Amino acid sequence: MNRSLMGHSLRLLLSGLMLTACGVPMDSEEASAEELGVKESASCSGSSVSGLSISGFSSYGGELAGGGTWSVSYPANAVHLDFLLDGAVIGQAEMLGDSNRSGTWSFNYSSASCGAQHVFKVRAYPMTIASNGEKFWCPGSGPQERSWNFSEPCPTSTFSCVRNFTQVTCTGTASGGTGGPYDALWFETEKHDSGLTSNYGWYPAPLSKSFNCRMPLAPFQSANGTMTISFIARDASGLQASVKSYTASCRF
């Protein structure tokens, strides 16, 4: 056979082999995906969350805690739980049930803000956990939800300041929330006529505090800036009252 023709035939043969070899992994992946889909379908078909409850829930000082029960129907033997606060997911859990395909759940969370109405929800989906540990979550089977509404009262406060020639002394009071002892967060802002601005805070301190702010002595001196003092009262659990502020003219 002509050497040129032989080389052309060999290149065609190798190209065919390469195309065949490249096609094998794709067929394997498709088969694996199809096999997984069949297993998920078999593990989820007919399953549902047959029971879900919230019990013993409470909130105090920005922390909420409680629990409840759950149950699923065959072939599911486990549950996937989403915990939501005001529509945002704040936690998740997966639990294997007992011989009755049921169990209990518990949850706690801190940093719930005060002064607003909140909605806590638990959302449950059926799951199947195989003996080898393989998990099949069944979102298509539809969840069950339970909700609990609560609110946290914020502390309230008063705030006033007095000044002499060199200082401003501010005093706050607080009540409500989860009770005392109360303390405060303070923030200072100095604005100079030159354009310089200095900020200090927020830092914790007692409910009364003095700040250096020299009073202009008219007609010989004039103010060359201002000081703004901001105050937040806090209760024993850290819940905060609204911000209160006082501004004075100063000579720095």
Protein backbone atom coordinates (compact mmCIF):
# COMPACT_ATOMS: atom_id res chain seq x y z
CA MET A 1 0.00 0.00 0.00
CA ASN A 2 1.14 3.54 -0.73
CA ARG A 3 3.02 4.97 2.33
CA SER A 4 1.00 8.20 2.18
CA LEU A 5 -2.26 6.27 2.06
CA MET A 6 -1.21 4.09 5.02
CA GLY A 7 -0.44 7.17 7.11
CA HIS A 8 -3.79 8.71 6.28
CA SER A 9 -5.63 5.50 7.27
CA LEU A 10 -3.71 5.27 10.54
CA ARG A 11 -4.64 8.86 11.48
CA LEU A 12 -8.31 8.11 10.81
CA LEU A 13 -8.13 4.99 12.98
CA LEU A 14 -6.50 6.87 15.87
CA SER A 15 -9.05 9.67 15.61
CA GLY A 16 -11.84 7.15 15.91
CA LEU A 17 -10.23 5.57 18.94
CA MET A 18 -9.83 8.97 20.63
CA LEU A 19 -13.44 9.87 20.00
CA THR A 20 -14.57 6.54 21.42
CA ALA A 21 -12.38 6.94 24.51
CA CYS A 22 -13.63 10.50 25.18
CA GLY A 23 -17.22 9.33 25.07
CA VAL A 24 -16.89 6.67 27.77
CA PRO A 25 -16.75 8.94 30.91
CA MET A 26 -19.79 10.94 29.78
CA ASP A 27 -21.85 7.76 29.41
CA SER A 28 -20.70 6.64 32.88
CA GLU A 29 -21.65 9.98 34.47
CA GLU A 30 -25.06 9.91 32.84
CA ALA A 31 -25.60 6.37 34.10
CA SER A 32 -24.57 7.38 37.64
CA ALA A 33 -26.92 10.38 37.62
CA GLU A 34 -29.76 8.22 36.35
CA GLU A 35 -29.04 5.55 38.97
CA LEU A 36 -29.00 8.22 41.72
CA GLY A 37 -32.29 9.63 40.47
CA VAL A 38 -33.89 6.18 40.60
CA LYS A 39 -32.61 5.62 44.15
CA GLU A 40 -33.84 9.04 45.29
CA SER A 41 -37.24 8.44 43.73
CA ALA A 42 -37.55 5.06 45.44
CA SER A 43 -36.40 6.50 48.77
CA CYS A 44 -38.77 9.50 48.63
CA SER A 45 -41.87 8.12 46.89
CA GLY A 46 -44.86 8.36 49.20
CA SER A 47 -42.88 9.87 52.08
CA SER A 48 -44.19 12.88 54.00
CA VAL A 49 -43.92 14.75 57.28
CA SER A 50 -46.86 13.35 59.22
CA GLY A 51 -46.39 15.45 62.35
CA LEU A 52 -44.58 18.59 63.55
CA SER A 53 -44.98 20.63 66.73
CA ILE A 54 -43.49 23.54 68.67
CA SER A 55 -43.63 23.35 72.46
CA GLY A 56 -41.99 24.99 75.44
CA PHE A 57 -40.62 27.93 73.48
CA SER A 58 -39.60 31.11 75.31
CA SER A 59 -37.57 34.26 74.77
CA TYR A 60 -35.64 36.39 77.24
CA GLY A 61 -33.00 39.04 76.80
CA GLY A 62 -32.66 38.49 73.07
CA GLU A 63 -32.31 34.71 73.40
CA LEU A 64 -34.95 32.21 72.35
CA ALA A 65 -35.03 28.50 73.07
CA GLY A 66 -37.44 25.61 72.81
CA GLY A 67 -38.23 22.47 70.90
CA GLY A 68 -40.90 20.12 69.71
CA THR A 69 -41.62 16.78 68.05
CA TRP A 70 -41.66 15.44 64.50
CA SER A 71 -42.71 12.29 62.64
CA VAL A 72 -42.47 11.06 59.04
CA SER A 73 -44.17 8.35 56.99
CA TYR A 74 -42.61 5.38 55.15
CA PRO A 75 -40.22 5.12 53.36
CA ALA A 76 -38.76 8.17 55.14
CA ASN A 77 -37.06 7.49 58.46
CA ALA A 78 -35.48 10.88 59.17
CA VAL A 79 -36.17 14.60 58.92
CA HIS A 80 -34.42 17.72 57.64
CA LEU A 81 -35.29 20.86 59.64
CA ASP A 82 -34.84 24.51 58.70
CA PHE A 83 -35.10 27.10 61.48
CA LEU A 84 -36.09 30.61 60.37
CA LEU A 85 -36.36 33.99 62.09
CA ASP A 86 -38.37 36.63 60.23
CA GLY A 87 -37.98 34.65 57.00
CA ALA A 88 -34.19 34.13 57.17
CA VAL A 89 -32.68 30.69 57.82
CA ILE A 90 -30.71 30.79 61.10
CA GLY A 91 -30.06 27.07 61.54
CA GLN A 92 -30.55 23.57 60.13
CA ALA A 93 -30.59 20.02 61.48
CA GLU A 94 -30.93 16.44 60.22
CA MET A 95 -32.23 13.77 62.58
CA LEU A 96 -32.75 10.01 62.32
CA GLY A 97 -36.02 8.83 63.81
CA ASP A 98 -36.75 6.04 66.26
CA SER A 99 -38.58 2.81 65.44
CA ASN A 100 -41.79 4.81 65.00
CA ARG A 101 -40.11 7.16 62.48
CA SER A 102 -40.38 10.06 64.93
CA GLY A 103 -38.27 12.12 67.28
CA THR A 104 -37.80 15.40 69.15
CA TRP A 105 -35.94 18.55 68.20
CA SER A 106 -34.54 21.51 70.14
CA PHE A 107 -33.08 24.86 69.14
CA ASN A 108 -31.67 27.99 70.74
CA TYR A 109 -30.57 31.30 69.28
CA SER A 110 -29.24 34.59 70.61
CA SER A 111 -29.22 38.14 69.23
CA ALA A 112 -32.91 38.57 68.53
CA SER A 113 -33.46 42.33 68.51
CA CYS A 114 -35.78 44.00 70.98
CA GLY A 115 -38.62 46.39 70.23
CA ALA A 116 -40.06 44.45 67.28
CA GLN A 117 -42.44 41.59 66.64
CA HIS A 118 -40.61 38.45 65.44
CA VAL A 119 -41.76 35.22 63.79
CA PHE A 120 -39.84 32.00 64.46
CA LYS A 121 -40.57 29.06 62.13
CA VAL A 122 -39.51 25.45 61.98
CA ARG A 123 -39.83 23.82 58.53
CA ALA A 124 -39.57 20.03 58.15
CA TYR A 125 -38.85 17.86 55.08
CA PRO A 126 -38.87 14.04 55.03
CA MET A 127 -35.53 12.26 54.61
CA THR A 128 -34.31 8.70 54.19
CA ILE A 129 -30.98 7.66 55.70
CA ALA A 130 -29.79 4.28 54.41
CA SER A 131 -27.93 1.71 56.53
CA ASN A 132 -24.69 2.70 54.79
CA GLY A 133 -25.19 6.34 55.80
CA GLU A 134 -26.36 7.53 52.40
CA LYS A 135 -28.87 10.37 52.73
CA PHE A 136 -31.82 11.23 50.49
CA TRP A 137 -33.51 14.55 51.21
CA CYS A 138 -37.01 14.77 49.75
CA PRO A 139 -37.85 18.47 49.18
CA GLY A 140 -40.32 17.50 46.45
CA SER A 141 -42.51 15.77 49.03
CA GLY A 142 -43.41 19.17 50.46
CA PRO A 143 -42.60 20.54 53.93
CA GLN A 144 -44.65 21.16 57.03
CA GLU A 145 -44.21 24.39 58.99
CA ARG A 146 -45.01 25.61 62.47
CA SER A 147 -44.53 29.18 63.70
CA TRP A 148 -44.29 31.08 66.98
CA ASN A 149 -44.63 34.86 67.34
CA PHE A 150 -42.77 36.76 70.05
CA SER A 151 -41.40 40.19 70.92
CA GLU A 152 -38.64 41.46 73.20
CA PRO A 153 -39.27 44.69 75.16
CA CYS A 154 -36.39 47.15 74.98
CA PRO A 155 -35.27 49.10 78.04
CA THR A 156 -36.24 52.78 78.11
CA SER A 157 -34.02 55.65 79.18
CA THR A 158 -33.81 59.35 79.99
CA PHE A 159 -30.76 61.54 79.33
CA SER A 160 -29.71 65.06 80.30
CA CYS A 161 -26.50 67.09 80.35
CA VAL A 162 -25.30 70.15 82.30
CA ARG A 163 -22.14 72.17 81.74
CA ASN A 164 -19.75 74.46 83.54
CA PHE A 165 -16.85 76.40 82.08
CA THR A 166 -14.66 73.38 81.36
CA GLN A 167 -16.86 70.30 81.35
CA VAL A 168 -20.14 68.79 80.21
CA THR A 169 -21.56 66.19 82.61
CA CYS A 170 -24.24 63.86 81.24
CA THR A 171 -26.43 61.51 83.27
CA GLY A 172 -28.84 58.83 82.09
CA THR A 173 -31.41 56.61 83.73
CA ALA A 174 -32.83 53.31 82.52
CA SER A 175 -35.72 50.99 83.27
CA GLY A 176 -37.59 48.07 81.76
CA GLY A 177 -36.19 45.45 79.42
CA THR A 178 -34.91 42.53 81.46
CA GLY A 179 -34.04 44.77 84.41
CA GLY A 180 -30.80 45.96 85.98
CA PRO A 181 -28.07 46.46 86.70
CA TYR A 182 -27.95 48.95 83.86
CA ASP A 183 -24.93 50.50 82.22
CA ALA A 184 -24.35 52.71 79.20
CA LEU A 185 -22.51 52.97 75.90
CA TRP A 186 -21.04 56.39 75.10
CA PHE A 187 -19.89 57.99 71.86
CA GLU A 188 -18.14 61.36 71.45
CA THR A 189 -17.78 63.37 68.26
CA GLU A 190 -15.61 66.50 68.20
CA LYS A 191 -16.01 68.75 65.15
CA HIS A 192 -13.51 71.58 64.80
CA ASP A 193 -14.05 74.64 62.62
CA SER A 194 -10.79 73.72 60.89
CA GLY A 195 -12.54 70.64 59.47
CA LEU A 196 -10.96 68.13 61.84
CA THR A 197 -13.39 65.54 63.22
CA SER A 198 -12.55 63.09 66.01
CA ASN A 199 -14.72 60.15 67.10
CA TYR A 200 -14.42 58.12 70.31
CA GLY A 201 -16.63 55.10 71.10
CA TRP A 202 -18.86 53.27 71.44
CA TYR A 203 -17.38 52.32 74.81
CA PRO A 204 -19.05 51.04 78.02
CA ALA A 205 -19.17 53.25 81.10
CA PRO A 206 -21.50 54.06 84.04
CA LEU A 207 -24.74 55.97 83.52
CA SER A 208 -23.06 59.30 84.39
CA LYS A 209 -19.95 60.67 82.70
CA SER A 210 -18.09 64.02 82.29
CA PHE A 211 -16.47 65.34 79.10
CA ASN A 212 -13.92 68.13 78.58
CA CYS A 213 -15.53 71.00 76.68
CA ARG A 214 -14.32 74.52 77.56
CA MET A 215 -17.02 77.15 77.34
CA PRO A 216 -16.13 80.26 75.29
CA LEU A 217 -15.68 83.35 77.47
CA ALA A 218 -17.43 86.11 75.50
CA PRO A 219 -16.48 88.63 74.26
CA PHE A 220 -12.82 87.58 74.44
CA GLN A 221 -13.21 84.08 73.00
CA SER A 222 -15.52 82.30 70.62
CA ALA A 223 -16.35 78.65 70.05
CA ASN A 224 -14.18 76.88 67.51
CA GLY A 225 -16.11 73.62 67.36
CA THR A 226 -18.83 71.39 68.80
CA MET A 227 -18.98 68.22 70.83
CA THR A 228 -21.83 65.73 70.36
CA ILE A 229 -22.30 63.18 73.13
CA SER A 230 -24.43 60.11 72.35
CA PHE A 231 -25.81 57.73 74.96
CA ILE A 232 -27.35 54.22 74.88
CA ALA A 233 -28.61 52.54 78.04
CA ARG A 234 -28.23 48.74 78.34
CA ASP A 235 -30.07 46.30 80.61
CA ALA A 236 -28.57 43.28 82.41
CA SER A 237 -28.84 41.05 79.33
CA GLY A 238 -27.37 43.61 76.93
CA LEU A 239 -30.61 44.80 75.29
CA GLN A 240 -30.27 48.44 74.29
CA ALA A 241 -32.51 51.49 74.54
CA SER A 242 -32.69 54.02 71.71
CA VAL A 243 -29.85 56.49 71.14
CA LYS A 244 -30.04 59.90 72.80
CA SER A 245 -27.67 62.80 72.04
CA TYR A 246 -26.58 66.24 73.28
CA THR A 247 -24.49 68.83 71.39
CA ALA A 248 -22.52 71.68 72.99
CA SER A 249 -20.35 74.50 71.59
CA CYS A 250 -16.79 74.20 72.79
CA ARG A 251 -13.42 75.91 72.60
CA PHE A 252 -10.79 73.23 72.01
